[in-house]
């Protein structure tokens, strides 16, 4: 199953070049590494579920934390 998840990441336009490590034990996928955005983080978990993971432990970190919007004064 880990290889199926990695293959889905490879074919994903958003995830193919991200540094994501996949470990699977008893159909529970654990994702570690870094991604570019919150959307990429969510997509990685969704792709793992769609590849057959029953549960996903999403421990992915963001490469760049988004800065809060500036407030007008």
PDB file of N, CA and C in Angstrom:
ATOM      1  N   UNK A   1       0.821  -1.190   0.000  1.00  0.00           N
ATOM      2  CA  UNK A   1       0.000   0.000   0.000  1.00  0.00           C
ATOM      3  C   UNK A   1       0.868   1.259   0.000  1.00  0.00           C
ATOM      4  N   UNK A   2       1.993   1.237   0.682  1.00  0.00           N
ATOM      5  CA  UNK A   2       2.874   2.408   0.699  1.00  0.00           C
ATOM      6  C   UNK A   2       3.298   2.771  -0.715  1.00  0.00           C
ATOM      7  N   UNK A   3       3.585   1.754  -1.516  1.00  0.00           N
ATOM      8  CA  UNK A   3       4.004   2.023  -2.896  1.00  0.00           C
ATOM      9  C   UNK A   3       2.850   2.604  -3.708  1.00  0.00           C
ATOM     10  N   UNK A   4       1.622   2.159  -3.476  1.00  0.00           N
ATOM     11  CA  UNK A   4       0.456   2.740  -4.168  1.00  0.00           C
ATOM     12  C   UNK A   4       0.304   4.217  -3.815  1.00  0.00           C
ATOM     13  N   UNK A   5       0.510   4.549  -2.541  1.00  0.00           N
ATOM     14  CA  UNK A   5       0.404   5.945  -2.109  1.00  0.00           C
ATOM     15  C   UNK A   5       1.506   6.770  -2.766  1.00  0.00           C
ATOM     16  N   UNK A   6       2.727   6.263  -2.747  1.00  0.00           N
ATOM     17  CA  UNK A   6       3.844   6.991  -3.373  1.00  0.00           C
ATOM     18  C   UNK A   6       3.591   7.203  -4.863  1.00  0.00           C
ATOM     19  N   UNK A   7       3.006   6.211  -5.518  1.00  0.00           N
ATOM     20  CA  UNK A   7       2.699   6.339  -6.941  1.00  0.00           C
ATOM     21  C   UNK A   7       1.664   7.427  -7.173  1.00  0.00           C
ATOM     22  N   UNK A   8       0.658   7.496  -6.311  1.00  0.00           N
ATOM     23  CA  UNK A   8      -0.357   8.552  -6.440  1.00  0.00           C
ATOM     24  C   UNK A   8       0.290   9.919  -6.263  1.00  0.00           C
ATOM     25  N   UNK A   9       1.218  10.037  -5.313  1.00  0.00           N
ATOM     26  CA  UNK A   9       1.918  11.307  -5.116  1.00  0.00           C
ATOM     27  C   UNK A   9       2.744  11.647  -6.356  1.00  0.00           C
ATOM     28  N   UNK A  10       3.388  10.650  -6.938  1.00  0.00           N
ATOM     29  CA  UNK A  10       4.218  10.866  -8.114  1.00  0.00           C
ATOM     30  C   UNK A  10       3.400  11.406  -9.286  1.00  0.00           C
ATOM     31  N   UNK A  11       2.167  10.923  -9.450  1.00  0.00           N
ATOM     32  CA  UNK A  11       1.319  11.348 -10.556  1.00  0.00           C
ATOM     33  C   UNK A  11       0.526  12.611 -10.254  1.00  0.00           C
ATOM     34  N   UNK A  12       0.600  13.108  -9.034  1.00  0.00           N
ATOM     35  CA  UNK A  12      -0.125  14.321  -8.657  1.00  0.00           C
ATOM     36  C   UNK A  12       0.673  15.562  -9.051  1.00  0.00           C
ATOM     37  N   UNK A  13       0.022  16.494  -9.737  1.00  0.00           N
ATOM     38  CA  UNK A  13       0.703  17.732 -10.140  1.00  0.00           C
ATOM     39  C   UNK A  13       1.188  18.520  -8.928  1.00  0.00           C
ATOM     40  N   UNK A  14       0.453  18.486  -7.833  1.00  0.00           N
ATOM     41  CA  UNK A  14       0.819  19.262  -6.651  1.00  0.00           C
ATOM     42  C   UNK A  14       1.822  18.541  -5.752  1.00  0.00           C
ATOM     43  N   UNK A  15       1.816  17.222  -5.762  1.00  0.00           N
ATOM     44  CA  UNK A  15       2.606  16.475  -4.791  1.00  0.00           C
ATOM     45  C   UNK A  15       3.849  15.800  -5.353  1.00  0.00           C
ATOM     46  N   UNK A  16       4.005  15.742  -6.679  1.00  0.00           N
ATOM     47  CA  UNK A  16       5.077  14.928  -7.267  1.00  0.00           C
ATOM     48  C   UNK A  16       6.480  15.354  -6.849  1.00  0.00           C
ATOM     49  N   UNK A  17       6.678  16.632  -6.514  1.00  0.00           N
ATOM     50  CA  UNK A  17       8.020  17.087  -6.156  1.00  0.00           C
ATOM     51  C   UNK A  17       8.157  17.455  -4.676  1.00  0.00           C
ATOM     52  N   UNK A  18       7.200  17.012  -3.865  1.00  0.00           N
ATOM     53  CA  UNK A  18       7.236  17.303  -2.425  1.00  0.00           C
ATOM     54  C   UNK A  18       8.032  16.216  -1.701  1.00  0.00           C
ATOM     55  N   UNK A  19       8.598  16.576  -0.569  1.00  0.00           N
ATOM     56  CA  UNK A  19       9.372  15.619   0.225  1.00  0.00           C
ATOM     57  C   UNK A  19       8.454  14.940   1.238  1.00  0.00           C
ATOM     58  N   UNK A  20       7.833  13.852   0.809  1.00  0.00           N
ATOM     59  CA  UNK A  20       6.879  13.130   1.662  1.00  0.00           C
ATOM     60  C   UNK A  20       7.357  11.694   1.824  1.00  0.00           C
ATOM     61  N   UNK A  21       7.480  11.264   3.071  1.00  0.00           N
ATOM     62  CA  UNK A  21       7.817   9.879   3.372  1.00  0.00           C
ATOM     63  C   UNK A  21       6.540   9.169   3.789  1.00  0.00           C
ATOM     64  N   UNK A  22       6.369   7.952   3.331  1.00  0.00           N
ATOM     65  CA  UNK A  22       5.157   7.174   3.613  1.00  0.00           C
ATOM     66  C   UNK A  22       5.539   5.882   4.313  1.00  0.00           C
ATOM     67  N   UNK A  23       4.930   5.625   5.452  1.00  0.00           N
ATOM     68  CA  UNK A  23       5.058   4.360   6.164  1.00  0.00           C
ATOM     69  C   UNK A  23       3.651   3.805   6.362  1.00  0.00           C
ATOM     70  N   UNK A  24       3.487   2.501   6.202  1.00  0.00           N
ATOM     71  CA  UNK A  24       2.170   1.880   6.378  1.00  0.00           C
ATOM     72  C   UNK A  24       2.300   0.686   7.296  1.00  0.00           C
ATOM     73  N   UNK A  25       1.383   0.608   8.275  1.00  0.00           N
ATOM     74  CA  UNK A  25       1.309  -0.531   9.178  1.00  0.00           C
ATOM     75  C   UNK A  25      -0.155  -0.794   9.472  1.00  0.00           C
ATOM     76  N   UNK A  26      -0.618  -2.014   9.179  1.00  0.00           N
ATOM     77  CA  UNK A  26      -2.030  -2.386   9.397  1.00  0.00           C
ATOM     78  C   UNK A  26      -2.997  -1.404   8.746  1.00  0.00           C
ATOM     79  N   UNK A  27      -2.705  -1.049   7.488  1.00  0.00           N
ATOM     80  CA  UNK A  27      -3.541  -0.126   6.702  1.00  0.00           C
ATOM     81  C   UNK A  27      -3.619   1.270   7.299  1.00  0.00           C
ATOM     82  N   UNK A  28      -2.703   1.618   8.205  1.00  0.00           N
ATOM     83  CA  UNK A  28      -2.609   2.980   8.739  1.00  0.00           C
ATOM     84  C   UNK A  28      -1.370   3.622   8.124  1.00  0.00           C
ATOM     85  N   UNK A  29      -1.588   4.675   7.350  1.00  0.00           N
ATOM     86  CA  UNK A  29      -0.483   5.373   6.692  1.00  0.00           C
ATOM     87  C   UNK A  29      -0.020   6.530   7.565  1.00  0.00           C
ATOM     88  N   UNK A  30       1.272   6.676   7.687  1.00  0.00           N
ATOM     89  CA  UNK A  30       1.862   7.813   8.379  1.00  0.00           C
ATOM     90  C   UNK A  30       2.665   8.603   7.369  1.00  0.00           C
ATOM     91  N   UNK A  31       2.310   9.876   7.236  1.00  0.00           N
ATOM     92  CA  UNK A  31       2.964  10.766   6.287  1.00  0.00           C
ATOM     93  C   UNK A  31       3.850  11.734   7.055  1.00  0.00           C
ATOM     94  N   UNK A  32       5.119  11.800   6.683  1.00  0.00           N
ATOM     95  CA  UNK A  32       6.052  12.743   7.301  1.00  0.00           C
ATOM     96  C   UNK A  32       6.810  13.469   6.200  1.00  0.00           C
ATOM     97  N   UNK A  33       7.362  14.604   6.534  1.00  0.00           N
ATOM     98  CA  UNK A  33       8.128  15.386   5.578  1.00  0.00           C
ATOM     99  C   UNK A  33       7.582  16.795   5.495  1.00  0.00           C
ATOM    100  N   UNK A  34       7.804  17.433   4.341  1.00  0.00           N
ATOM    101  CA  UNK A  34       7.369  18.816   4.157  1.00  0.00           C
ATOM    102  C   UNK A  34       6.593  18.967   2.849  1.00  0.00           C
ATOM    103  N   UNK A  35       5.646  19.880   2.874  1.00  0.00           N
ATOM    104  CA  UNK A  35       4.880  20.238   1.679  1.00  0.00           C
ATOM    105  C   UNK A  35       4.814  21.758   1.602  1.00  0.00           C
ATOM    106  N   UNK A  36       4.396  22.258   0.459  1.00  0.00           N
ATOM    107  CA  UNK A  36       4.396  23.701   0.228  1.00  0.00           C
ATOM    108  C   UNK A  36       3.214  24.450   0.835  1.00  0.00           C
ATOM    109  N   UNK A  37       2.069  23.784   1.011  1.00  0.00           N
ATOM    110  CA  UNK A  37       0.877  24.512   1.463  1.00  0.00           C
ATOM    111  C   UNK A  37      -0.051  23.601   2.265  1.00  0.00           C
ATOM    112  N   UNK A  38      -1.019  24.245   2.915  1.00  0.00           N
ATOM    113  CA  UNK A  38      -2.034  23.490   3.645  1.00  0.00           C
ATOM    114  C   UNK A  38      -2.840  22.624   2.682  1.00  0.00           C
ATOM    115  N   UNK A  39      -3.114  23.155   1.494  1.00  0.00           N
ATOM    116  CA  UNK A  39      -3.866  22.363   0.514  1.00  0.00           C
ATOM    117  C   UNK A  39      -3.101  21.118   0.104  1.00  0.00           C
ATOM    118  N   UNK A  40      -1.785  21.228  -0.060  1.00  0.00           N
ATOM    119  CA  UNK A  40      -0.978  20.054  -0.395  1.00  0.00           C
ATOM    120  C   UNK A  40      -1.019  19.044   0.746  1.00  0.00           C
ATOM    121  N   UNK A  41      -1.000  19.525   1.967  1.00  0.00           N
ATOM    122  CA  UNK A  41      -1.062  18.652   3.145  1.00  0.00           C
ATOM    123  C   UNK A  41      -2.381  17.873   3.146  1.00  0.00           C
ATOM    124  N   UNK A  42      -3.472  18.580   2.888  1.00  0.00           N
ATOM    125  CA  UNK A  42      -4.783  17.931   2.855  1.00  0.00           C
ATOM    126  C   UNK A  42      -4.884  16.954   1.686  1.00  0.00           C
ATOM    127  N   UNK A  43      -4.346  17.338   0.534  1.00  0.00           N
ATOM    128  CA  UNK A  43      -4.412  16.457  -0.635  1.00  0.00           C
ATOM    129  C   UNK A  43      -3.623  15.180  -0.392  1.00  0.00           C
ATOM    130  N   UNK A  44      -2.483  15.285   0.270  1.00  0.00           N
ATOM    131  CA  UNK A  44      -1.678  14.094   0.545  1.00  0.00           C
ATOM    132  C   UNK A  44      -2.471  13.093   1.382  1.00  0.00           C
ATOM    133  N   UNK A  45      -3.174  13.578   2.394  1.00  0.00           N
ATOM    134  CA  UNK A  45      -3.984  12.690   3.231  1.00  0.00           C
ATOM    135  C   UNK A  45      -5.118  12.072   2.413  1.00  0.00           C
ATOM    136  N   UNK A  46      -5.757  12.867   1.589  1.00  0.00           N
ATOM    137  CA  UNK A  46      -6.854  12.359   0.753  1.00  0.00           C
ATOM    138  C   UNK A  46      -6.348  11.292  -0.212  1.00  0.00           C
ATOM    139  N   UNK A  47      -5.201  11.545  -0.831  1.00  0.00           N
ATOM    140  CA  UNK A  47      -4.626  10.568  -1.763  1.00  0.00           C
ATOM    141  C   UNK A  47      -4.310   9.256  -1.036  1.00  0.00           C
ATOM    142  N   UNK A  48      -3.804   9.342   0.185  1.00  0.00           N
ATOM    143  CA  UNK A  48      -3.498   8.135   0.953  1.00  0.00           C
ATOM    144  C   UNK A  48      -4.776   7.342   1.236  1.00  0.00           C
ATOM    145  N   UNK A  49      -5.851   8.040   1.604  1.00  0.00           N
ATOM    146  CA  UNK A  49      -7.135   7.360   1.829  1.00  0.00           C
ATOM    147  C   UNK A  49      -7.616   6.692   0.545  1.00  0.00           C
ATOM    148  N   UNK A  50      -7.525   7.403  -0.559  1.00  0.00           N
ATOM    149  CA  UNK A  50      -8.008   6.862  -1.822  1.00  0.00           C
ATOM    150  C   UNK A  50      -7.163   5.691  -2.312  1.00  0.00           C
ATOM    151  N   UNK A  51      -5.919   5.608  -1.841  1.00  0.00           N
ATOM    152  CA  UNK A  51      -5.055   4.481  -2.210  1.00  0.00           C
ATOM    153  C   UNK A  51      -5.323   3.259  -1.341  1.00  0.00           C
ATOM    154  N   UNK A  52      -6.211   3.402  -0.332  1.00  0.00           N
ATOM    155  CA  UNK A  52      -6.598   2.259   0.471  1.00  0.00           C
ATOM    156  C   UNK A  52      -6.283   2.337   1.946  1.00  0.00           C
ATOM    157  N   UNK A  53      -5.685   3.436   2.405  1.00  0.00           N
ATOM    158  CA  UNK A  53      -5.397   3.554   3.837  1.00  0.00           C
ATOM    159  C   UNK A  53      -6.703   3.714   4.619  1.00  0.00           C
ATOM    160  N   UNK A  54      -6.819   2.955   5.683  1.00  0.00           N
ATOM    161  CA  UNK A  54      -7.998   3.054   6.538  1.00  0.00           C
ATOM    162  C   UNK A  54      -7.907   4.303   7.408  1.00  0.00           C
ATOM    163  N   UNK A  55      -6.693   4.597   7.895  1.00  0.00           N
ATOM    164  CA  UNK A  55      -6.432   5.785   8.697  1.00  0.00           C
ATOM    165  C   UNK A  55      -5.167   6.440   8.181  1.00  0.00           C
ATOM    166  N   UNK A  56      -5.083   7.763   8.364  1.00  0.00           N
ATOM    167  CA  UNK A  56      -3.885   8.495   7.945  1.00  0.00           C
ATOM    168  C   UNK A  56      -3.426   9.376   9.098  1.00  0.00           C
ATOM    169  N   UNK A  57      -2.190   9.163   9.520  1.00  0.00           N
ATOM    170  CA  UNK A  57      -1.551  10.059  10.482  1.00  0.00           C
ATOM    171  C   UNK A  57      -0.772  11.075   9.658  1.00  0.00           C
ATOM    172  N   UNK A  58      -1.286  12.284   9.609  1.00  0.00           N
ATOM    173  CA  UNK A  58      -0.691  13.311   8.757  1.00  0.00           C
ATOM    174  C   UNK A  58       0.239  14.169   9.612  1.00  0.00           C
ATOM    175  N   UNK A  59       1.532  13.882   9.525  1.00  0.00           N
ATOM    176  CA  UNK A  59       2.543  14.620  10.278  1.00  0.00           C
ATOM    177  C   UNK A  59       3.366  15.504   9.349  1.00  0.00           C
ATOM    178  N   UNK A  60       2.759  15.909   8.233  1.00  0.00           N
ATOM    179  CA  UNK A  60       3.455  16.760   7.275  1.00  0.00           C
ATOM    180  C   UNK A  60       3.551  18.182   7.809  1.00  0.00           C
ATOM    181  N   UNK A  61       4.697  18.794   7.584  1.00  0.00           N
ATOM    182  CA  UNK A  61       4.930  20.182   7.979  1.00  0.00           C
ATOM    183  C   UNK A  61       4.923  21.052   6.737  1.00  0.00           C
ATOM    184  N   UNK A  62       4.630  22.335   6.944  1.00  0.00           N
ATOM    185  CA  UNK A  62       4.659  23.275   5.833  1.00  0.00           C
ATOM    186  C   UNK A  62       6.077  23.792   5.650  1.00  0.00           C
ATOM    187  N   UNK A  63       6.503  23.865   4.402  1.00  0.00           N
ATOM    188  CA  UNK A  63       7.830  24.361   4.092  1.00  0.00           C
ATOM    189  C   UNK A  63       7.944  25.833   4.466  1.00  0.00           C
ATOM    190  N   UNK A  64       6.917  26.615   4.130  1.00  0.00           N
ATOM    191  CA  UNK A  64       6.892  28.044   4.437  1.00  0.00           C
ATOM    192  C   UNK A  64       5.581  28.335   5.145  1.00  0.00           C
ATOM    193  N   UNK A  65       5.672  28.828   6.337  1.00  0.00           N
ATOM    194  CA  UNK A  65       4.456  29.204   7.047  1.00  0.00           C
ATOM    195  C   UNK A  65       3.918  30.497   6.438  1.00  0.00           C
ATOM    196  N   UNK A  66       2.622  30.537   6.177  1.00  0.00           N
ATOM    197  CA  UNK A  66       2.022  31.731   5.616  1.00  0.00           C
ATOM    198  C   UNK A  66       2.032  32.839   6.662  1.00  0.00           C
ATOM    199  N   UNK A  67       2.362  34.036   6.236  1.00  0.00           N
ATOM    200  CA  UNK A  67       2.357  35.178   7.137  1.00  0.00           C
ATOM    201  C   UNK A  67       0.937  35.684   7.287  1.00  0.00           C
ATOM    202  N   UNK A  68       0.580  36.151   8.503  1.00  0.00           N
ATOM    203  CA  UNK A  68      -0.770  36.684   8.672  1.00  0.00           C
ATOM    204  C   UNK A  68      -0.975  37.910   7.800  1.00  0.00           C
ATOM    205  N   UNK A  69      -2.199  38.098   7.365  1.00  0.00           N
ATOM    206  CA  UNK A  69      -2.517  39.264   6.523  1.00  0.00           C
ATOM    207  C   UNK A  69      -2.250  40.542   7.300  1.00  0.00           C
ATOM    208  N   UNK A  70      -1.671  41.502   6.637  1.00  0.00           N
ATOM    209  CA  UNK A  70      -1.389  42.796   7.282  1.00  0.00           C
ATOM    210  C   UNK A  70      -2.705  43.513   7.531  1.00  0.00           C
ATOM    211  N   UNK A  71      -2.776  44.166   8.649  1.00  0.00           N
ATOM    212  CA  UNK A  71      -3.987  44.915   8.974  1.00  0.00           C
ATOM    213  C   UNK A  71      -3.779  46.364   8.590  1.00  0.00           C
ATOM    214  N   UNK A  72      -4.779  46.945   7.983  1.00  0.00           N
ATOM    215  CA  UNK A  72      -4.714  48.353   7.585  1.00  0.00           C
ATOM    216  C   UNK A  72      -4.946  49.227   8.807  1.00  0.00           C
ATOM    217  N   UNK A  73      -4.124  50.247   8.913  1.00  0.00           N
ATOM    218  CA  UNK A  73      -4.293  51.185  10.045  1.00  0.00           C
ATOM    219  C   UNK A  73      -4.463  52.576   9.559  1.00  0.00           C
TER     220      UNK A  73
END
